Structure formats: C-alpha cells, structure tokens
C-alpha cells in the first residue's frame, strides 16, 4: 500500500504509510497467581497489573529513488 510518483525519467518519489496496532487492542499480562503468602491473603491475587502491547503507532515514509 502506497503511492509512487514519477518525477523525471530516472527519478521517482515513493510514499508509504504503515500502522501498528491501529485498533489499539491490548495484550494483557497474566494475572497475579499468588493467593496466600505466609499467614495472610495477598491483595493482588488475580489482578492484571500491566499490558504487553504498545499503543497504536502510525509511521509515514517518503523515499526518493533515482
């Protein structure tokens, strides 16, 4: 996906957009697995504290070919 423009007989300009995780779907880490520690209950049991994925990113490239 992109666009090419012919500038002269020996030169052209290329435009290319790229998108990563464009719908911003999260990739969640595993929840906390420790339920009891020592003599008490762990308050973070079953809680998902972070994600593995990056937010959506858009990149634009412009290349001169001659």
C-alpha atoms as a PDB file:
ATOM      1  CA  UNK A   1       0.000   0.000   0.000  1.00  0.00           C
ATOM      2  CA  UNK A   2       1.493   3.292  -1.007  1.00  0.00           C
ATOM      3  CA  UNK A   3       1.814   5.782  -3.817  1.00  0.00           C
ATOM      4  CA  UNK A   4       4.531   6.251  -6.469  1.00  0.00           C
ATOM      5  CA  UNK A   5       5.058   9.484  -8.403  1.00  0.00           C
ATOM      6  CA  UNK A   6       7.324   9.672 -11.471  1.00  0.00           C
ATOM      7  CA  UNK A   7       9.309  12.923 -11.231  1.00  0.00           C
ATOM      8  CA  UNK A   8      11.586  12.507 -14.239  1.00  0.00           C
ATOM      9  CA  UNK A   9      12.522   9.619 -16.464  1.00  0.00           C
ATOM     10  CA  UNK A  10      15.145   8.353 -13.989  1.00  0.00           C
ATOM     11  CA  UNK A  11      13.610   9.519 -10.682  1.00  0.00           C
ATOM     12  CA  UNK A  12      10.507   8.739  -8.713  1.00  0.00           C
ATOM     13  CA  UNK A  13       9.103   9.550  -5.296  1.00  0.00           C
ATOM     14  CA  UNK A  14       7.519   6.850  -3.120  1.00  0.00           C
ATOM     15  CA  UNK A  15       5.137   7.451  -0.201  1.00  0.00           C
ATOM     16  CA  UNK A  16       4.333   4.593   2.188  1.00  0.00           C
ATOM     17  CA  UNK A  17       2.147   4.732   5.319  1.00  0.00           C
ATOM     18  CA  UNK A  18       2.482   1.986   7.966  1.00  0.00           C
ATOM     19  CA  UNK A  19       0.302   1.366  11.014  1.00  0.00           C
ATOM     20  CA  UNK A  20       0.933  -0.891  14.006  1.00  0.00           C
ATOM     21  CA  UNK A  21      -1.797  -1.939  16.458  1.00  0.00           C
ATOM     22  CA  UNK A  22      -4.111   0.551  14.766  1.00  0.00           C
ATOM     23  CA  UNK A  23      -7.206  -0.711  16.611  1.00  0.00           C
ATOM     24  CA  UNK A  24      -5.334  -0.400  19.938  1.00  0.00           C
ATOM     25  CA  UNK A  25      -6.167  -3.922  21.166  1.00  0.00           C
ATOM     26  CA  UNK A  26      -4.422  -4.630  24.485  1.00  0.00           C
ATOM     27  CA  UNK A  27      -2.300  -7.723  25.055  1.00  0.00           C
ATOM     28  CA  UNK A  28      -2.715  -8.352  28.778  1.00  0.00           C
ATOM     29  CA  UNK A  29      -0.152  -9.975  31.040  1.00  0.00           C
ATOM     30  CA  UNK A  30      -1.089 -12.934  33.241  1.00  0.00           C
ATOM     31  CA  UNK A  31      -2.908 -12.106  36.483  1.00  0.00           C
ATOM     32  CA  UNK A  32      -1.184 -12.448  39.848  1.00  0.00           C
ATOM     33  CA  UNK A  33      -1.103 -16.136  40.783  1.00  0.00           C
ATOM     34  CA  UNK A  34      -0.123 -15.947  44.461  1.00  0.00           C
ATOM     35  CA  UNK A  35      -3.219 -16.158  46.671  1.00  0.00           C
ATOM     36  CA  UNK A  36      -1.679 -16.785  50.091  1.00  0.00           C
ATOM     37  CA  UNK A  37       1.752 -15.713  51.311  1.00  0.00           C
ATOM     38  CA  UNK A  38       2.862 -16.749  54.776  1.00  0.00           C
ATOM     39  CA  UNK A  39      -0.154 -16.346  57.041  1.00  0.00           C
ATOM     40  CA  UNK A  40      -2.257 -13.868  55.063  1.00  0.00           C
ATOM     41  CA  UNK A  41      -4.147 -13.281  51.845  1.00  0.00           C
ATOM     42  CA  UNK A  42      -2.353 -11.436  49.010  1.00  0.00           C
ATOM     43  CA  UNK A  43      -4.419  -8.463  47.827  1.00  0.00           C
ATOM     44  CA  UNK A  44      -3.085  -8.583  44.259  1.00  0.00           C
ATOM     45  CA  UNK A  45      -4.269 -12.169  43.584  1.00  0.00           C
ATOM     46  CA  UNK A  46      -5.986 -12.317  40.187  1.00  0.00           C
ATOM     47  CA  UNK A  47      -5.211  -8.680  39.342  1.00  0.00           C
ATOM     48  CA  UNK A  48      -3.785  -7.792  35.919  1.00  0.00           C
ATOM     49  CA  UNK A  49      -1.212  -5.073  36.538  1.00  0.00           C
ATOM     50  CA  UNK A  50       0.174  -4.340  33.040  1.00  0.00           C
ATOM     51  CA  UNK A  51      -0.036  -4.954  29.310  1.00  0.00           C
ATOM     52  CA  UNK A  52       2.465  -6.446  26.863  1.00  0.00           C
ATOM     53  CA  UNK A  53       1.488  -4.343  23.860  1.00  0.00           C
ATOM     54  CA  UNK A  54       2.421  -0.861  22.722  1.00  0.00           C
ATOM     55  CA  UNK A  55      -0.225   1.774  21.908  1.00  0.00           C
ATOM     56  CA  UNK A  56      -1.174   2.379  18.288  1.00  0.00           C
ATOM     57  CA  UNK A  57       1.572   3.797  16.096  1.00  0.00           C
ATOM     58  CA  UNK A  58       1.475   5.401  12.656  1.00  0.00           C
ATOM     59  CA  UNK A  59       4.601   5.823  10.531  1.00  0.00           C
ATOM     60  CA  UNK A  60       4.964   7.700   7.245  1.00  0.00           C
ATOM     61  CA  UNK A  61       7.865   7.138   4.832  1.00  0.00           C
ATOM     62  CA  UNK A  62       8.935   9.216   1.838  1.00  0.00           C
ATOM     63  CA  UNK A  63      11.692   7.838  -0.439  1.00  0.00           C
ATOM     64  CA  UNK A  64      13.380   9.369  -3.468  1.00  0.00           C
ATOM     65  CA  UNK A  65      14.526   6.742  -5.972  1.00  0.00           C
ATOM     66  CA  UNK A  66      16.896   7.747  -8.794  1.00  0.00           C
END
